PDB file of N, CA and C in Angstrom:
ATOM      1  N   MET A   1       0.838  -1.171   0.000  1.00  0.00           N
ATOM      2  CA  MET A   1       0.000   0.000   0.000  1.00  0.00           C
ATOM      3  C   MET A   1       0.890   1.245   0.000  1.00  0.00           C
ATOM      4  N   GLU A   2       0.535   2.193  -0.835  1.00  0.00           N
ATOM      5  CA  GLU A   2       1.279   3.441  -0.924  1.00  0.00           C
ATOM      6  C   GLU A   2       0.641   4.485  -0.020  1.00  0.00           C
ATOM      7  N   THR A   3       1.469   5.321   0.592  1.00  0.00           N
ATOM      8  CA  THR A   3       0.975   6.415   1.424  1.00  0.00           C
ATOM      9  C   THR A   3       1.295   7.732   0.748  1.00  0.00           C
ATOM     10  N   ILE A   4       0.258   8.550   0.580  1.00  0.00           N
ATOM     11  CA  ILE A   4       0.408   9.876  -0.015  1.00  0.00           C
ATOM     12  C   ILE A   4       0.285  10.889   1.106  1.00  0.00           C
ATOM     13  N   GLN A   5       1.248  11.791   1.204  1.00  0.00           N
ATOM     14  CA  GLN A   5       1.226  12.788   2.266  1.00  0.00           C
ATOM     15  C   GLN A   5       0.457  14.021   1.802  1.00  0.00           C
ATOM     16  N   ILE A   6      -0.461  14.489   2.664  1.00  0.00           N
ATOM     17  CA  ILE A   6      -1.216  15.704   2.374  1.00  0.00           C
ATOM     18  C   ILE A   6      -0.974  16.705   3.501  1.00  0.00           C
ATOM     19  N   HIS A   7      -1.290  17.965   3.228  1.00  0.00           N
ATOM     20  CA  HIS A   7      -1.060  19.014   4.218  1.00  0.00           C
ATOM     21  C   HIS A   7      -2.369  19.699   4.604  1.00  0.00           C
ATOM     22  N   THR A   8      -3.479  19.046   4.300  1.00  0.00           N
ATOM     23  CA  THR A   8      -4.795  19.565   4.626  1.00  0.00           C
ATOM     24  C   THR A   8      -5.555  18.499   5.402  1.00  0.00           C
ATOM     25  N   GLU A   9      -6.749  18.848   5.866  1.00  0.00           N
ATOM     26  CA  GLU A   9      -7.537  17.907   6.654  1.00  0.00           C
ATOM     27  C   GLU A   9      -7.969  16.693   5.827  1.00  0.00           C
ATOM     28  N   PHE A  10      -8.255  16.924   4.537  1.00  0.00           N
ATOM     29  CA  PHE A  10      -8.702  15.861   3.648  1.00  0.00           C
ATOM     30  C   PHE A  10      -8.294  16.209   2.224  1.00  0.00           C
ATOM     31  N   ILE A  11      -8.492  15.260   1.314  1.00  0.00           N
ATOM     32  CA  ILE A  11      -8.272  15.491  -0.107  1.00  0.00           C
ATOM     33  C   ILE A  11      -9.443  14.853  -0.846  1.00  0.00           C
ATOM     34  N   LYS A  12      -9.888  15.498  -1.904  1.00  0.00           N
ATOM     35  CA  LYS A  12     -10.986  14.935  -2.693  1.00  0.00           C
ATOM     36  C   LYS A  12     -10.473  13.738  -3.483  1.00  0.00           C
ATOM     37  N   LEU A  13     -11.348  12.775  -3.671  1.00  0.00           N
ATOM     38  CA  LEU A  13     -10.974  11.535  -4.355  1.00  0.00           C
ATOM     39  C   LEU A  13     -10.342  11.800  -5.702  1.00  0.00           C
ATOM     40  N   GLN A  14     -10.958  12.646  -6.533  1.00  0.00           N
ATOM     41  CA  GLN A  14     -10.405  12.894  -7.863  1.00  0.00           C
ATOM     42  C   GLN A  14      -9.013  13.511  -7.779  1.00  0.00           C
ATOM     43  N   ASP A  15      -8.784  14.361  -6.784  1.00  0.00           N
ATOM     44  CA  ASP A  15      -7.477  14.992  -6.617  1.00  0.00           C
ATOM     45  C   ASP A  15      -6.425  13.985  -6.140  1.00  0.00           C
ATOM     46  N   LEU A  16      -6.835  13.048  -5.313  1.00  0.00           N
ATOM     47  CA  LEU A  16      -5.911  12.004  -4.863  1.00  0.00           C
ATOM     48  C   LEU A  16      -5.467  11.139  -6.031  1.00  0.00           C
ATOM     49  N   LEU A  17      -6.404  10.789  -6.900  1.00  0.00           N
ATOM     50  CA  LEU A  17      -6.047   9.970  -8.065  1.00  0.00           C
ATOM     51  C   LEU A  17      -5.046  10.700  -8.959  1.00  0.00           C
ATOM     52  N   LYS A  18      -5.233  12.013  -9.131  1.00  0.00           N
ATOM     53  CA  LYS A  18      -4.302  12.794  -9.949  1.00  0.00           C
ATOM     54  C   LYS A  18      -2.954  12.947  -9.248  1.00  0.00           C
ATOM     55  N   LEU A  19      -2.975  13.273  -7.958  1.00  0.00           N
ATOM     56  CA  LEU A  19      -1.738  13.480  -7.193  1.00  0.00           C
ATOM     57  C   LEU A  19      -0.870  12.236  -7.180  1.00  0.00           C
ATOM     58  N   SER A  20      -1.497  11.078  -7.121  1.00  0.00           N
ATOM     59  CA  SER A  20      -0.753   9.821  -7.060  1.00  0.00           C
ATOM     60  C   SER A  20      -0.411   9.263  -8.436  1.00  0.00           C
ATOM     61  N   HIS A  21      -0.774   9.995  -9.477  1.00  0.00           N
ATOM     62  CA  HIS A  21      -0.503   9.613 -10.871  1.00  0.00           C
ATOM     63  C   HIS A  21      -1.199   8.321 -11.289  1.00  0.00           C
ATOM     64  N   LEU A  22      -2.320   8.005 -10.641  1.00  0.00           N
ATOM     65  CA  LEU A  22      -3.121   6.853 -11.086  1.00  0.00           C
ATOM     66  C   LEU A  22      -3.912   7.217 -12.332  1.00  0.00           C
ATOM     67  N   VAL A  23      -4.196   8.513 -12.496  1.00  0.00           N
ATOM     68  CA  VAL A  23      -4.824   9.028 -13.712  1.00  0.00           C
ATOM     69  C   VAL A  23      -4.038  10.256 -14.139  1.00  0.00           C
ATOM     70  N   MET A  24      -4.182  10.621 -15.399  1.00  0.00           N
ATOM     71  CA  MET A  24      -3.402  11.749 -15.911  1.00  0.00           C
ATOM     72  C   MET A  24      -4.143  13.083 -15.861  1.00  0.00           C
ATOM     73  N   SER A  25      -5.467  13.050 -15.741  1.00  0.00           N
ATOM     74  CA  SER A  25      -6.222  14.299 -15.780  1.00  0.00           C
ATOM     75  C   SER A  25      -7.484  14.181 -14.939  1.00  0.00           C
ATOM     76  N   GLY A  26      -8.087  15.340 -14.690  1.00  0.00           N
ATOM     77  CA  GLY A  26      -9.353  15.354 -13.978  1.00  0.00           C
ATOM     78  C   GLY A  26     -10.448  14.660 -14.774  1.00  0.00           C
ATOM     79  N   GLY A  27     -10.388  14.788 -16.102  1.00  0.00           N
ATOM     80  CA  GLY A  27     -11.365  14.126 -16.959  1.00  0.00           C
ATOM     81  C   GLY A  27     -11.271  12.610 -16.846  1.00  0.00           C
ATOM     82  N   GLU A  28     -10.055  12.107 -16.812  1.00  0.00           N
ATOM     83  CA  GLU A  28      -9.868  10.664 -16.667  1.00  0.00           C
ATOM     84  C   GLU A  28     -10.337  10.205 -15.284  1.00  0.00           C
ATOM     85  N   ALA A  29     -10.057  11.009 -14.256  1.00  0.00           N
ATOM     86  CA  ALA A  29     -10.519  10.681 -12.904  1.00  0.00           C
ATOM     87  C   ALA A  29     -12.039  10.602 -12.875  1.00  0.00           C
ATOM     88  N   LYS A  30     -12.684  11.575 -13.502  1.00  0.00           N
ATOM     89  CA  LYS A  30     -14.149  11.594 -13.559  1.00  0.00           C
ATOM     90  C   LYS A  30     -14.696  10.318 -14.175  1.00  0.00           C
ATOM     91  N   ILE A  31     -14.102   9.878 -15.258  1.00  0.00           N
ATOM     92  CA  ILE A  31     -14.577   8.681 -15.966  1.00  0.00           C
ATOM     93  C   ILE A  31     -14.424   7.433 -15.116  1.00  0.00           C
ATOM     94  N   VAL A  32     -13.232   7.218 -14.544  1.00  0.00           N
ATOM     95  CA  VAL A  32     -13.023   5.979 -13.782  1.00  0.00           C
ATOM     96  C   VAL A  32     -13.864   5.947 -12.506  1.00  0.00           C
ATOM     97  N   ILE A  33     -14.094   7.126 -11.914  1.00  0.00           N
ATOM     98  CA  ILE A  33     -14.927   7.165 -10.714  1.00  0.00           C
ATOM     99  C   ILE A  33     -16.385   6.922 -11.084  1.00  0.00           C
ATOM    100  N   GLN A  34     -16.883   7.584 -12.123  1.00  0.00           N
ATOM    101  CA  GLN A  34     -18.277   7.392 -12.536  1.00  0.00           C
ATOM    102  C   GLN A  34     -18.536   5.976 -13.043  1.00  0.00           C
ATOM    103  N   ASP A  35     -17.521   5.336 -13.598  1.00  0.00           N
ATOM    104  CA  ASP A  35     -17.653   3.944 -14.063  1.00  0.00           C
ATOM    105  C   ASP A  35     -17.514   2.946 -12.913  1.00  0.00           C
ATOM    106  N   GLU A  36     -17.430   3.464 -11.684  1.00  0.00           N
ATOM    107  CA  GLU A  36     -17.350   2.652 -10.470  1.00  0.00           C
ATOM    108  C   GLU A  36     -16.168   1.690 -10.471  1.00  0.00           C
ATOM    109  N   GLN A  37     -15.010   2.195 -10.912  1.00  0.00           N
ATOM    110  CA  GLN A  37     -13.784   1.408 -10.928  1.00  0.00           C
ATOM    111  C   GLN A  37     -12.932   1.656  -9.687  1.00  0.00           C
ATOM    112  N   VAL A  38     -13.374   2.566  -8.814  1.00  0.00           N
ATOM    113  CA  VAL A  38     -12.595   2.971  -7.643  1.00  0.00           C
ATOM    114  C   VAL A  38     -13.349   2.555  -6.376  1.00  0.00           C
ATOM    115  N   THR A  39     -12.592   2.049  -5.399  1.00  0.00           N
ATOM    116  CA  THR A  39     -13.212   1.741  -4.109  1.00  0.00           C
ATOM    117  C   THR A  39     -12.574   2.598  -3.018  1.00  0.00           C
ATOM    118  N   VAL A  40     -13.383   2.929  -2.032  1.00  0.00           N
ATOM    119  CA  VAL A  40     -12.919   3.650  -0.848  1.00  0.00           C
ATOM    120  C   VAL A  40     -13.317   2.804   0.353  1.00  0.00           C
ATOM    121  N   ASN A  41     -12.314   2.374   1.093  1.00  0.00           N
ATOM    122  CA  ASN A  41     -12.538   1.510   2.260  1.00  0.00           C
ATOM    123  C   ASN A  41     -13.342   0.262   1.888  1.00  0.00           C
ATOM    124  N   GLY A  42     -13.046  -0.296   0.713  1.00  0.00           N
ATOM    125  CA  GLY A  42     -13.656  -1.544   0.283  1.00  0.00           C
ATOM    126  C   GLY A  42     -15.005  -1.410  -0.388  1.00  0.00           C
ATOM    127  N   GLU A  43     -15.539  -0.195  -0.485  1.00  0.00           N
ATOM    128  CA  GLU A  43     -16.842   0.014  -1.110  1.00  0.00           C
ATOM    129  C   GLU A  43     -16.690   0.842  -2.376  1.00  0.00           C
ATOM    130  N   THR A  44     -17.405   0.451  -3.424  1.00  0.00           N
ATOM    131  CA  THR A  44     -17.366   1.192  -4.676  1.00  0.00           C
ATOM    132  C   THR A  44     -17.824   2.622  -4.434  1.00  0.00           C
ATOM    133  N   CYS A  45     -17.111   3.571  -5.023  1.00  0.00           N
ATOM    134  CA  CYS A  45     -17.439   4.982  -4.843  1.00  0.00           C
ATOM    135  C   CYS A  45     -17.602   5.645  -6.204  1.00  0.00           C
ATOM    136  N   SER A  46     -18.689   6.377  -6.393  1.00  0.00           N
ATOM    137  CA  SER A  46     -18.915   7.078  -7.659  1.00  0.00           C
ATOM    138  C   SER A  46     -18.996   8.588  -7.451  1.00  0.00           C
ATOM    139  N   MET A  47     -18.485   9.080  -6.316  1.00  0.00           N
ATOM    140  CA  MET A  47     -18.496  10.514  -6.026  1.00  0.00           C
ATOM    141  C   MET A  47     -17.090  11.092  -6.177  1.00  0.00           C
ATOM    142  N   ARG A  48     -16.917  11.951  -7.182  1.00  0.00           N
ATOM    143  CA  ARG A  48     -15.598  12.543  -7.425  1.00  0.00           C
ATOM    144  C   ARG A  48     -15.116  13.374  -6.252  1.00  0.00           C
ATOM    145  N   GLY A  49     -16.037  14.060  -5.593  1.00  0.00           N
ATOM    146  CA  GLY A  49     -15.678  14.960  -4.514  1.00  0.00           C
ATOM    147  C   GLY A  49     -15.633  14.307  -3.144  1.00  0.00           C
ATOM    148  N   LYS A  50     -15.688  12.988  -3.105  1.00  0.00           N
ATOM    149  CA  LYS A  50     -15.637  12.267  -1.818  1.00  0.00           C
ATOM    150  C   LYS A  50     -14.399  12.706  -1.053  1.00  0.00           C
ATOM    151  N   LYS A  51     -14.585  13.056   0.205  1.00  0.00           N
ATOM    152  CA  LYS A  51     -13.462  13.492   1.037  1.00  0.00           C
ATOM    153  C   LYS A  51     -12.716  12.267   1.553  1.00  0.00           C
ATOM    154  N   ILE A  52     -11.415  12.258   1.298  1.00  0.00           N
ATOM    155  CA  ILE A  52     -10.555  11.164   1.746  1.00  0.00           C
ATOM    156  C   ILE A  52      -9.712  11.685   2.907  1.00  0.00           C
ATOM    157  N   PHE A  53      -9.856  11.027   4.052  1.00  0.00           N
ATOM    158  CA  PHE A  53      -9.152  11.423   5.272  1.00  0.00           C
ATOM    159  C   PHE A  53      -8.032  10.427   5.571  1.00  0.00           C
ATOM    160  N   PRO A  54      -7.034  10.820   6.371  1.00  0.00           N
ATOM    161  CA  PRO A  54      -5.997   9.864   6.759  1.00  0.00           C
ATOM    162  C   PRO A  54      -6.624   8.597   7.331  1.00  0.00           C
ATOM    163  N   GLY A  55      -6.103   7.468   6.888  1.00  0.00           N
ATOM    164  CA  GLY A  55      -6.628   6.174   7.314  1.00  0.00           C
ATOM    165  C   GLY A  55      -7.562   5.539   6.305  1.00  0.00           C
ATOM    166  N   ASP A  56      -8.174   6.348   5.427  1.00  0.00           N
ATOM    167  CA  ASP A  56      -9.015   5.785   4.371  1.00  0.00           C
ATOM    168  C   ASP A  56      -8.134   5.062   3.360  1.00  0.00           C
ATOM    169  N   VAL A  57      -8.667   4.011   2.751  1.00  0.00           N
ATOM    170  CA  VAL A  57      -7.936   3.233   1.754  1.00  0.00           C
ATOM    171  C   VAL A  57      -8.664   3.337   0.418  1.00  0.00           C
ATOM    172  N   VAL A  58      -7.953   3.811  -0.592  1.00  0.00           N
ATOM    173  CA  VAL A  58      -8.499   3.959  -1.942  1.00  0.00           C
ATOM    174  C   VAL A  58      -7.819   2.938  -2.835  1.00  0.00           C
ATOM    175  N   ALA A  59      -8.604   2.203  -3.612  1.00  0.00           N
ATOM    176  CA  ALA A  59      -8.048   1.208  -4.527  1.00  0.00           C
ATOM    177  C   ALA A  59      -8.542   1.476  -5.937  1.00  0.00           C
ATOM    178  N   TYR A  60      -7.608   1.365  -6.881  1.00  0.00           N
ATOM    179  CA  TYR A  60      -7.926   1.523  -8.305  1.00  0.00           C
ATOM    180  C   TYR A  60      -6.839   0.834  -9.123  1.00  0.00           C
ATOM    181  N   ASN A  61      -7.249   0.083 -10.092  1.00  0.00           N
ATOM    182  CA  ASN A  61      -6.329  -0.517 -11.058  1.00  0.00           C
ATOM    183  C   ASN A  61      -5.233  -1.350 -10.381  1.00  0.00           C
ATOM    184  N   GLY A  62      -5.610  -2.078  -9.337  1.00  0.00           N
ATOM    185  CA  GLY A  62      -4.653  -2.958  -8.668  1.00  0.00           C
ATOM    186  C   GLY A  62      -3.734  -2.286  -7.668  1.00  0.00           C
ATOM    187  N   ARG A  63      -3.913  -0.990  -7.448  1.00  0.00           N
ATOM    188  CA  ARG A  63      -3.080  -0.273  -6.473  1.00  0.00           C
ATOM    189  C   ARG A  63      -3.937   0.228  -5.318  1.00  0.00           C
ATOM    190  N   GLU A  64      -3.351   0.256  -4.138  1.00  0.00           N
ATOM    191  CA  GLU A  64      -4.036   0.754  -2.953  1.00  0.00           C
ATOM    192  C   GLU A  64      -3.272   1.951  -2.401  1.00  0.00           C
ATOM    193  N   LEU A  65      -4.029   2.979  -2.012  1.00  0.00           N
ATOM    194  CA  LEU A  65      -3.438   4.201  -1.474  1.00  0.00           C
ATOM    195  C   LEU A  65      -4.075   4.534  -0.140  1.00  0.00           C
ATOM    196  N   THR A  66      -3.334   5.208   0.704  1.00  0.00           N
ATOM    197  CA  THR A  66      -3.863   5.829   1.900  1.00  0.00           C
ATOM    198  C   THR A  66      -3.198   7.182   2.022  1.00  0.00           C
ATOM    199  N   VAL A  67      -3.764   8.046   2.829  1.00  0.00           N
ATOM    200  CA  VAL A  67      -3.170   9.362   3.005  1.00  0.00           C
ATOM    201  C   VAL A  67      -2.773   9.563   4.463  1.00  0.00           C
ATOM    202  N   SER A  68      -1.788  10.442   4.660  1.00  0.00           N
ATOM    203  CA  SER A  68      -1.357  10.816   6.000  1.00  0.00           C
ATOM    204  C   SER A  68      -0.974  12.288   5.969  1.00  0.00           C
ATOM    205  N   TYR A  69      -0.852  12.867   7.164  1.00  0.00           N
ATOM    206  CA  TYR A  69      -0.445  14.282   7.255  1.00  0.00           C
ATOM    207  C   TYR A  69       1.045  14.390   7.135  1.00  0.00           C
TER     208      TYR A  69
END
């Protein structure tokens, strides 16, 4: 599992995917999230603006991410 460091209270799901280079653009993030290809804490998520807090686990395309301060 990869850990991405953030400097805010949370990060939006689409921004996390871009920051971690799992997608190349916001448009690509929108598509994969709306197509329900992303899970947050083991549950499929279709909300681009979902707030991801430290300890949450995001999975996409065989990779798992978490965030920390």
